Amino acid sequence: MKQEKDDAFLGIGHLTIPVRDLEVAERFYVDLLGGTVLMRVDAEFLKLAGRPAEPRSFHTSIAFGSDTRLDLFPQRNGQPPATAAHPHIAIRVRPESILSLVKHLRDCGIPVEGPNRLGPPGHASAYFNDPFGNHLELETFGYEGEVKIGPPNMEALIYSWEK
């Protein structure tokens, strides 16, 4: 049975996260982080699909260079506690890109912790939050630069984003 299960699973298709404003979320995940909008499920999309326009179905799907998509759903709550390390979403990046991405986030007023190492040698992660308090991580392997060993200070990642 195990072999049959292993052959059946292909990977993670999508993750959903709560955001309080889809326009702000899109500016953050696409304009700031460089994700790509795969689709916007809104009233018109649902009408064309022959489905009722239920606001709880509205969302924007974003990709970051992989088959896995991040679906952003408008929801007033559901974000992790500000000081909790989990749950979070790790976005895999190239080792040579992590420092420029960290600089870009900081230049845009986003507090970032890292690069830190919690994994094996060559692992590096940088931690930050989206405007709604969802915890995010830039993760890489093969990094040869300086890293702080240990977890991030989650309290240092709290901010208000006004873009």
N, C-alpha and C. Protein backbone atom coordinates (compact mmCIF):
# COMPACT_ATOMS: atom_id res chain seq x y z
N MET A 1 0.82 -1.21 0.00
CA MET A 1 0.00 0.00 0.00
C MET A 1 0.86 1.26 0.00
N LYS A 2 1.99 1.28 0.71
CA LYS A 2 2.81 2.48 0.77
C LYS A 2 3.28 2.91 -0.62
N GLN A 3 3.76 1.99 -1.43
CA GLN A 3 4.22 2.34 -2.77
C GLN A 3 3.09 2.97 -3.57
N GLU A 4 1.89 2.44 -3.44
CA GLU A 4 0.75 2.99 -4.16
C GLU A 4 0.49 4.43 -3.73
N LYS A 5 0.56 4.73 -2.43
CA LYS A 5 0.37 6.10 -1.94
C LYS A 5 1.46 7.01 -2.46
N ASP A 6 2.73 6.57 -2.37
CA ASP A 6 3.84 7.40 -2.82
C ASP A 6 3.68 7.79 -4.28
N ASP A 7 3.19 6.87 -5.10
CA ASP A 7 3.01 7.15 -6.52
C ASP A 7 1.82 8.08 -6.78
N ALA A 8 0.90 8.15 -5.86
CA ALA A 8 -0.32 8.93 -6.06
C ALA A 8 -0.11 10.42 -5.82
N PHE A 9 0.77 10.78 -4.89
CA PHE A 9 0.93 12.18 -4.51
C PHE A 9 1.98 12.87 -5.35
N LEU A 10 1.64 14.05 -5.86
CA LEU A 10 2.55 14.81 -6.72
C LEU A 10 3.16 16.02 -6.03
N GLY A 11 2.57 16.49 -4.95
CA GLY A 11 3.07 17.67 -4.26
C GLY A 11 1.92 18.50 -3.74
N ILE A 12 2.25 19.65 -3.18
CA ILE A 12 1.25 20.58 -2.65
C ILE A 12 0.71 21.41 -3.81
N GLY A 13 -0.59 21.44 -3.98
CA GLY A 13 -1.22 22.20 -5.05
C GLY A 13 -1.37 23.67 -4.72
N HIS A 14 -1.89 23.97 -3.53
CA HIS A 14 -2.04 25.36 -3.13
C HIS A 14 -2.15 25.45 -1.61
N LEU A 15 -1.87 26.64 -1.12
CA LEU A 15 -2.04 26.99 0.28
C LEU A 15 -2.96 28.19 0.32
N THR A 16 -3.82 28.27 1.33
CA THR A 16 -4.69 29.43 1.45
C THR A 16 -4.29 30.20 2.71
N ILE A 17 -4.33 31.52 2.59
CA ILE A 17 -4.06 32.35 3.76
C ILE A 17 -5.09 33.48 3.81
N PRO A 18 -5.41 33.91 5.02
CA PRO A 18 -6.38 35.00 5.17
C PRO A 18 -5.70 36.36 5.03
N VAL A 19 -6.35 37.24 4.29
CA VAL A 19 -5.89 38.62 4.17
C VAL A 19 -7.10 39.52 4.39
N ARG A 20 -6.89 40.72 4.87
CA ARG A 20 -8.02 41.59 5.14
C ARG A 20 -8.44 42.43 3.93
N ASP A 21 -7.57 42.53 2.91
CA ASP A 21 -7.86 43.37 1.75
C ASP A 21 -7.13 42.78 0.55
N LEU A 22 -7.89 42.33 -0.47
CA LEU A 22 -7.27 41.69 -1.63
C LEU A 22 -6.39 42.63 -2.44
N GLU A 23 -6.77 43.91 -2.55
CA GLU A 23 -5.95 44.85 -3.31
C GLU A 23 -4.62 45.08 -2.61
N VAL A 24 -4.64 45.28 -1.31
CA VAL A 24 -3.40 45.46 -0.55
C VAL A 24 -2.56 44.19 -0.63
N ALA A 25 -3.21 43.04 -0.51
CA ALA A 25 -2.49 41.76 -0.58
C ALA A 25 -1.81 41.60 -1.94
N GLU A 26 -2.51 41.94 -3.01
CA GLU A 26 -1.91 41.81 -4.34
C GLU A 26 -0.72 42.76 -4.50
N ARG A 27 -0.85 43.98 -4.01
CA ARG A 27 0.30 44.91 -4.09
C ARG A 27 1.50 44.34 -3.34
N PHE A 28 1.26 43.71 -2.20
CA PHE A 28 2.36 43.15 -1.41
C PHE A 28 2.96 41.93 -2.10
N TYR A 29 2.14 40.94 -2.43
CA TYR A 29 2.64 39.67 -2.95
C TYR A 29 3.12 39.76 -4.40
N VAL A 30 2.55 40.67 -5.18
CA VAL A 30 2.95 40.79 -6.59
C VAL A 30 3.93 41.95 -6.77
N ASP A 31 3.51 43.17 -6.41
CA ASP A 31 4.36 44.33 -6.65
C ASP A 31 5.62 44.32 -5.80
N LEU A 32 5.51 43.96 -4.53
CA LEU A 32 6.67 43.99 -3.63
C LEU A 32 7.50 42.71 -3.71
N LEU A 33 6.84 41.54 -3.63
CA LEU A 33 7.58 40.28 -3.62
C LEU A 33 7.86 39.70 -5.01
N GLY A 34 7.12 40.13 -6.01
CA GLY A 34 7.38 39.64 -7.36
C GLY A 34 6.63 38.39 -7.76
N GLY A 35 5.57 38.04 -7.02
CA GLY A 35 4.74 36.91 -7.42
C GLY A 35 3.96 37.23 -8.68
N THR A 36 3.33 36.22 -9.25
CA THR A 36 2.54 36.36 -10.46
C THR A 36 1.09 36.00 -10.17
N VAL A 37 0.18 36.86 -10.60
CA VAL A 37 -1.24 36.56 -10.45
C VAL A 37 -1.61 35.46 -11.44
N LEU A 38 -2.13 34.35 -10.94
CA LEU A 38 -2.60 33.27 -11.80
C LEU A 38 -4.06 33.46 -12.15
N MET A 39 -4.86 33.91 -11.16
CA MET A 39 -6.27 34.18 -11.42
C MET A 39 -6.84 35.00 -10.27
N ARG A 40 -7.90 35.74 -10.63
CA ARG A 40 -8.67 36.49 -9.64
C ARG A 40 -10.08 35.92 -9.68
N VAL A 41 -10.50 35.32 -8.60
CA VAL A 41 -11.85 34.77 -8.53
C VAL A 41 -12.72 35.82 -7.86
N ASP A 42 -13.55 36.46 -8.70
CA ASP A 42 -14.44 37.51 -8.23
C ASP A 42 -15.84 37.23 -8.77
N ALA A 43 -16.76 38.18 -8.63
CA ALA A 43 -18.14 37.96 -9.06
C ALA A 43 -18.21 37.64 -10.55
N GLU A 44 -17.46 38.38 -11.37
CA GLU A 44 -17.49 38.14 -12.81
C GLU A 44 -16.92 36.77 -13.18
N PHE A 45 -15.81 36.39 -12.54
CA PHE A 45 -15.20 35.08 -12.78
C PHE A 45 -16.21 33.97 -12.46
N LEU A 46 -16.87 34.08 -11.31
CA LEU A 46 -17.83 33.06 -10.90
C LEU A 46 -19.04 33.02 -11.83
N LYS A 47 -19.47 34.19 -12.31
CA LYS A 47 -20.59 34.24 -13.25
C LYS A 47 -20.23 33.50 -14.54
N LEU A 48 -19.02 33.76 -15.05
CA LEU A 48 -18.56 33.08 -16.27
C LEU A 48 -18.44 31.57 -16.05
N ALA A 49 -18.13 31.18 -14.81
CA ALA A 49 -18.01 29.75 -14.48
C ALA A 49 -19.37 29.12 -14.19
N GLY A 50 -20.45 29.94 -14.23
CA GLY A 50 -21.79 29.42 -13.97
C GLY A 50 -22.05 29.15 -12.51
N ARG A 51 -21.31 29.85 -11.64
CA ARG A 51 -21.50 29.67 -10.20
C ARG A 51 -22.04 30.96 -9.58
N PRO A 52 -22.73 30.85 -8.45
CA PRO A 52 -23.22 32.07 -7.79
C PRO A 52 -22.05 32.91 -7.26
N ALA A 53 -22.24 34.21 -7.24
CA ALA A 53 -21.19 35.14 -6.79
C ALA A 53 -21.17 35.21 -5.28
N GLU A 54 -20.63 34.21 -4.64
CA GLU A 54 -20.51 34.19 -3.18
C GLU A 54 -19.22 34.88 -2.76
N PRO A 55 -19.30 36.00 -2.01
CA PRO A 55 -18.09 36.70 -1.60
C PRO A 55 -17.08 35.81 -0.86
N ARG A 56 -17.55 34.79 -0.15
CA ARG A 56 -16.60 33.94 0.58
C ARG A 56 -15.76 33.09 -0.37
N SER A 57 -16.16 33.02 -1.65
CA SER A 57 -15.38 32.30 -2.66
C SER A 57 -14.35 33.19 -3.34
N PHE A 58 -14.46 34.51 -3.18
CA PHE A 58 -13.54 35.43 -3.84
C PHE A 58 -12.13 35.20 -3.31
N HIS A 59 -11.15 35.22 -4.23
CA HIS A 59 -9.75 35.13 -3.83
C HIS A 59 -8.86 35.45 -5.02
N THR A 60 -7.60 35.67 -4.73
CA THR A 60 -6.58 35.89 -5.75
C THR A 60 -5.53 34.80 -5.58
N SER A 61 -5.16 34.16 -6.69
CA SER A 61 -4.14 33.11 -6.67
C SER A 61 -2.82 33.67 -7.19
N ILE A 62 -1.76 33.44 -6.41
CA ILE A 62 -0.42 33.96 -6.70
C ILE A 62 0.55 32.79 -6.81
N ALA A 63 1.54 32.90 -7.70
CA ALA A 63 2.59 31.88 -7.81
C ALA A 63 3.95 32.54 -7.67
N PHE A 64 4.89 31.77 -7.17
CA PHE A 64 6.28 32.21 -7.02
C PHE A 64 7.20 31.22 -7.73
N GLY A 65 7.06 31.08 -9.02
CA GLY A 65 7.96 30.25 -9.81
C GLY A 65 7.85 28.76 -9.57
N SER A 66 6.71 28.27 -9.13
CA SER A 66 6.55 26.83 -8.92
C SER A 66 5.11 26.45 -9.25
N ASP A 67 4.83 25.18 -9.13
CA ASP A 67 3.47 24.70 -9.37
C ASP A 67 2.53 25.01 -8.20
N THR A 68 3.10 25.26 -7.04
CA THR A 68 2.28 25.54 -5.86
C THR A 68 1.81 26.99 -5.91
N ARG A 69 0.53 27.19 -5.67
CA ARG A 69 0.03 28.56 -5.66
C ARG A 69 -0.40 28.95 -4.25
N LEU A 70 -0.40 30.24 -4.01
CA LEU A 70 -0.83 30.81 -2.75
C LEU A 70 -2.15 31.51 -3.01
N ASP A 71 -3.23 31.04 -2.39
CA ASP A 71 -4.55 31.63 -2.58
C ASP A 71 -4.84 32.57 -1.42
N LEU A 72 -5.08 33.83 -1.75
CA LEU A 72 -5.32 34.88 -0.77
C LEU A 72 -6.83 35.10 -0.65
N PHE A 73 -7.39 34.80 0.51
CA PHE A 73 -8.84 34.93 0.74
C PHE A 73 -9.12 36.08 1.70
N PRO A 74 -10.05 36.99 1.33
CA PRO A 74 -10.39 38.06 2.26
C PRO A 74 -11.09 37.49 3.49
N GLN A 75 -10.52 37.79 4.61
CA GLN A 75 -11.03 37.28 5.89
C GLN A 75 -10.49 38.18 6.99
N ARG A 76 -11.32 38.57 7.91
CA ARG A 76 -10.91 39.51 8.96
C ARG A 76 -10.01 38.87 10.01
N ASN A 77 -10.01 37.55 10.11
CA ASN A 77 -9.22 36.91 11.17
C ASN A 77 -8.56 35.65 10.62
N GLY A 78 -7.81 34.98 11.47
CA GLY A 78 -7.18 33.74 11.08
C GLY A 78 -5.67 33.82 10.97
N GLN A 79 -5.13 35.04 11.09
CA GLN A 79 -3.68 35.19 11.06
C GLN A 79 -3.09 34.60 12.34
N PRO A 80 -1.83 34.14 12.28
CA PRO A 80 -1.21 33.57 13.48
C PRO A 80 -0.94 34.66 14.52
N PRO A 81 -0.82 34.28 15.79
CA PRO A 81 -0.42 35.27 16.79
C PRO A 81 0.90 35.92 16.40
N ALA A 82 1.04 37.21 16.68
CA ALA A 82 2.20 37.98 16.24
C ALA A 82 3.53 37.38 16.67
N THR A 83 3.58 36.78 17.84
CA THR A 83 4.86 36.28 18.35
C THR A 83 5.07 34.78 18.13
N ALA A 84 4.11 34.12 17.50
CA ALA A 84 4.24 32.68 17.23
C ALA A 84 5.06 32.47 15.96
N ALA A 85 5.92 31.49 15.96
CA ALA A 85 6.73 31.20 14.78
C ALA A 85 5.96 30.40 13.74
N HIS A 86 4.89 29.76 14.15
CA HIS A 86 4.12 28.90 13.25
C HIS A 86 2.64 29.22 13.36
N PRO A 87 1.90 29.10 12.30
CA PRO A 87 2.34 28.65 10.98
C PRO A 87 3.02 29.79 10.22
N HIS A 88 3.83 29.40 9.24
CA HIS A 88 4.41 30.35 8.31
C HIS A 88 4.57 29.67 6.95
N ILE A 89 4.78 30.49 5.93
CA ILE A 89 4.97 29.98 4.58
C ILE A 89 6.39 30.31 4.16
N ALA A 90 7.13 29.30 3.72
CA ALA A 90 8.50 29.49 3.25
C ALA A 90 8.51 29.53 1.73
N ILE A 91 9.12 30.58 1.20
CA ILE A 91 9.27 30.73 -0.25
C ILE A 91 10.73 30.43 -0.57
N ARG A 92 10.97 29.41 -1.39
CA ARG A 92 12.34 29.01 -1.74
C ARG A 92 12.93 30.02 -2.71
N VAL A 93 14.16 30.48 -2.42
CA VAL A 93 14.85 31.44 -3.27
C VAL A 93 16.26 30.94 -3.56
N ARG A 94 16.89 31.51 -4.56
CA ARG A 94 18.27 31.16 -4.90
C ARG A 94 19.21 31.72 -3.83
N PRO A 95 20.28 31.00 -3.48
CA PRO A 95 21.20 31.48 -2.44
C PRO A 95 21.77 32.86 -2.75
N GLU A 96 22.04 33.12 -4.02
CA GLU A 96 22.64 34.40 -4.40
C GLU A 96 21.62 35.54 -4.38
N SER A 97 20.35 35.25 -4.19
CA SER A 97 19.30 36.28 -4.20
C SER A 97 18.83 36.71 -2.83
N ILE A 98 19.10 35.93 -1.80
CA ILE A 98 18.48 36.20 -0.50
C ILE A 98 18.84 37.57 0.05
N LEU A 99 20.11 37.98 -0.04
CA LEU A 99 20.49 39.28 0.53
C LEU A 99 19.84 40.44 -0.23
N SER A 100 19.75 40.36 -1.55
CA SER A 100 19.10 41.44 -2.29
C SER A 100 17.60 41.50 -1.99
N LEU A 101 16.98 40.34 -1.78
CA LEU A 101 15.57 40.32 -1.41
C LEU A 101 15.35 40.91 -0.02
N VAL A 102 16.23 40.58 0.92
CA VAL A 102 16.15 41.15 2.27
C VAL A 102 16.31 42.67 2.20
N LYS A 103 17.28 43.13 1.42
CA LYS A 103 17.49 44.58 1.27
C LYS A 103 16.25 45.24 0.67
N HIS A 104 15.68 44.63 -0.36
CA HIS A 104 14.48 45.16 -1.00
C HIS A 104 13.34 45.30 0.01
N LEU A 105 13.11 44.26 0.81
CA LEU A 105 12.05 44.32 1.82
C LEU A 105 12.32 45.44 2.81
N ARG A 106 13.54 45.52 3.31
CA ARG A 106 13.88 46.57 4.28
C ARG A 106 13.73 47.95 3.67
N ASP A 107 14.18 48.11 2.41
CA ASP A 107 14.03 49.41 1.73
C ASP A 107 12.57 49.82 1.59
N CYS A 108 11.67 48.83 1.56
CA CYS A 108 10.22 49.10 1.47
C CYS A 108 9.57 49.23 2.85
N GLY A 109 10.37 49.25 3.91
CA GLY A 109 9.85 49.44 5.26
C GLY A 109 9.36 48.17 5.93
N ILE A 110 9.71 47.01 5.41
CA ILE A 110 9.30 45.74 5.99
C ILE A 110 10.40 45.24 6.92
N PRO A 111 10.13 45.05 8.21
CA PRO A 111 11.15 44.50 9.10
C PRO A 111 11.46 43.05 8.72
N VAL A 112 12.74 42.71 8.71
CA VAL A 112 13.19 41.37 8.34
C VAL A 112 14.19 40.89 9.38
N GLU A 113 14.08 39.64 9.77
CA GLU A 113 15.06 38.97 10.63
C GLU A 113 15.82 37.98 9.76
N GLY A 114 17.11 38.15 9.68
CA GLY A 114 17.90 37.17 8.95
C GLY A 114 18.89 37.84 8.01
N PRO A 115 19.70 37.00 7.37
CA PRO A 115 19.55 35.56 7.31
C PRO A 115 19.94 34.86 8.61
N ASN A 116 19.12 33.89 8.96
CA ASN A 116 19.32 33.03 10.13
C ASN A 116 19.52 31.60 9.62
N ARG A 117 20.11 30.79 10.47
CA ARG A 117 20.22 29.38 10.13
C ARG A 117 19.63 28.54 11.24
N LEU A 118 18.67 27.71 10.86
CA LEU A 118 18.09 26.74 11.78
C LEU A 118 18.33 25.33 11.28
N GLY A 119 18.78 25.20 10.05
CA GLY A 119 18.99 23.91 9.42
C GLY A 119 20.46 23.57 9.30
N PRO A 120 20.79 22.73 8.33
CA PRO A 120 22.17 22.29 8.15
C PRO A 120 23.05 23.41 7.61
N PRO A 121 24.37 23.23 7.61
CA PRO A 121 25.24 24.23 6.99
C PRO A 121 24.80 24.51 5.56
N GLY A 122 24.83 25.78 5.18
CA GLY A 122 24.38 26.18 3.86
C GLY A 122 22.93 26.63 3.83
N HIS A 123 22.19 26.36 4.91
CA HIS A 123 20.80 26.80 5.00
C HIS A 123 20.78 28.24 5.50
N ALA A 124 19.88 29.04 4.92
CA ALA A 124 19.66 30.41 5.41
C ALA A 124 18.20 30.76 5.20
N SER A 125 17.65 31.47 6.15
CA SER A 125 16.27 31.93 6.08
C SER A 125 16.18 33.38 6.54
N ALA A 126 15.27 34.11 5.92
CA ALA A 126 14.95 35.46 6.36
C ALA A 126 13.45 35.50 6.61
N TYR A 127 13.05 36.07 7.73
CA TYR A 127 11.66 36.03 8.18
C TYR A 127 11.06 37.43 8.14
N PHE A 128 9.79 37.51 7.75
CA PHE A 128 9.07 38.78 7.71
C PHE A 128 7.58 38.47 7.70
N ASN A 129 6.76 39.50 7.83
CA ASN A 129 5.31 39.35 7.83
C ASN A 129 4.70 40.08 6.64
N ASP A 130 3.53 39.61 6.20
CA ASP A 130 2.78 40.40 5.22
C ASP A 130 2.03 41.48 5.99
N PRO A 131 1.33 42.39 5.30
CA PRO A 131 0.64 43.49 5.99
C PRO A 131 -0.44 43.04 6.96
N PHE A 132 -0.85 41.76 6.90
CA PHE A 132 -1.93 41.27 7.74
C PHE A 132 -1.44 40.42 8.91
N GLY A 133 -0.12 40.26 9.03
CA GLY A 133 0.45 39.48 10.12
C GLY A 133 0.72 38.03 9.79
N ASN A 134 0.51 37.61 8.53
CA ASN A 134 0.89 36.25 8.15
C ASN A 134 2.41 36.17 8.09
N HIS A 135 2.96 35.11 8.67
CA HIS A 135 4.41 34.96 8.76
C HIS A 135 4.95 34.31 7.49
N LEU A 136 6.02 34.91 6.95
CA LEU A 136 6.64 34.45 5.72
C LEU A 136 8.14 34.23 5.94
N GLU A 137 8.71 33.39 5.11
CA GLU A 137 10.14 33.07 5.20
C GLU A 137 10.70 32.97 3.79
N LEU A 138 11.87 33.57 3.58
CA LEU A 138 12.65 33.32 2.38
C LEU A 138 13.65 32.25 2.78
N GLU A 139 13.68 31.13 2.07
CA GLU A 139 14.52 30.00 2.47
C GLU A 139 15.43 29.61 1.32
N THR A 140 16.69 29.30 1.66
CA THR A 140 17.63 28.85 0.64
C THR A 140 18.59 27.82 1.22
N PHE A 141 19.17 27.07 0.32
CA PHE A 141 20.22 26.10 0.67
C PHE A 141 21.40 26.37 -0.24
N GLY A 142 22.60 26.16 0.26
CA GLY A 142 23.80 26.45 -0.51
C GLY A 142 24.32 27.86 -0.26
N TYR A 143 23.82 28.51 0.78
CA TYR A 143 24.23 29.87 1.12
C TYR A 143 25.59 29.84 1.82
N GLU A 144 26.49 30.71 1.40
CA GLU A 144 27.84 30.72 1.97
C GLU A 144 28.13 31.98 2.78
N GLY A 145 27.17 32.88 2.90
CA GLY A 145 27.38 34.12 3.63
C GLY A 145 27.22 33.93 5.13
N GLU A 146 27.36 35.05 5.82
CA GLU A 146 27.24 35.05 7.28
C GLU A 146 25.78 34.89 7.69
N VAL A 147 25.55 34.10 8.73
CA VAL A 147 24.20 33.89 9.24
C VAL A 147 24.22 33.95 10.76
N LYS A 148 23.09 34.33 11.31
CA LYS A 148 22.88 34.24 12.75
C LYS A 148 22.33 32.84 13.00
N ILE A 149 22.85 32.14 13.97
CA ILE A 149 22.35 30.81 14.31
C ILE A 149 21.20 30.98 15.30
N GLY A 150 20.06 30.46 14.97
CA GLY A 150 18.92 30.51 15.88
C GLY A 150 17.69 31.10 15.25
N PRO A 151 16.58 31.02 15.96
CA PRO A 151 15.29 31.48 15.43
C PRO A 151 15.18 33.00 15.41
N PRO A 152 14.25 33.52 14.62
CA PRO A 152 14.05 34.97 14.57
C PRO A 152 13.32 35.47 15.81
N ASN A 153 13.46 36.76 16.05
CA ASN A 153 12.68 37.45 17.07
C ASN A 153 11.38 37.89 16.41
N MET A 154 10.31 37.15 16.63
CA MET A 154 9.04 37.41 15.94
C MET A 154 8.45 38.78 16.30
N GLU A 155 8.71 39.27 17.51
CA GLU A 155 8.20 40.59 17.90
C GLU A 155 8.79 41.69 17.04
N ALA A 156 10.02 41.49 16.56
CA ALA A 156 10.68 42.50 15.73
C ALA A 156 10.07 42.60 14.34
N LEU A 157 9.19 41.68 13.98
CA LEU A 157 8.60 41.66 12.64
C LEU A 157 7.27 42.38 12.54
N ILE A 158 6.77 42.90 13.65
CA ILE A 158 5.47 43.57 13.67
C ILE A 158 5.62 44.98 13.08
N TYR A 159 4.72 45.34 12.18
CA TYR A 159 4.75 46.67 11.56
C TYR A 159 3.38 47.01 10.99
N SER A 160 3.23 48.24 10.54
CA SER A 160 2.02 48.66 9.85
C SER A 160 2.46 49.09 8.46
N TRP A 161 1.84 48.50 7.43
CA TRP A 161 2.23 48.76 6.04
C TRP A 161 1.20 49.64 5.38
N GLU A 162 1.61 50.77 4.88
CA GLU A 162 0.68 51.76 4.30
C GLU A 162 0.94 51.99 2.82
N LYS A 163 1.03 50.94 2.02
CA LYS A 163 1.29 51.11 0.58
C LYS A 163 0.01 51.09 -0.20
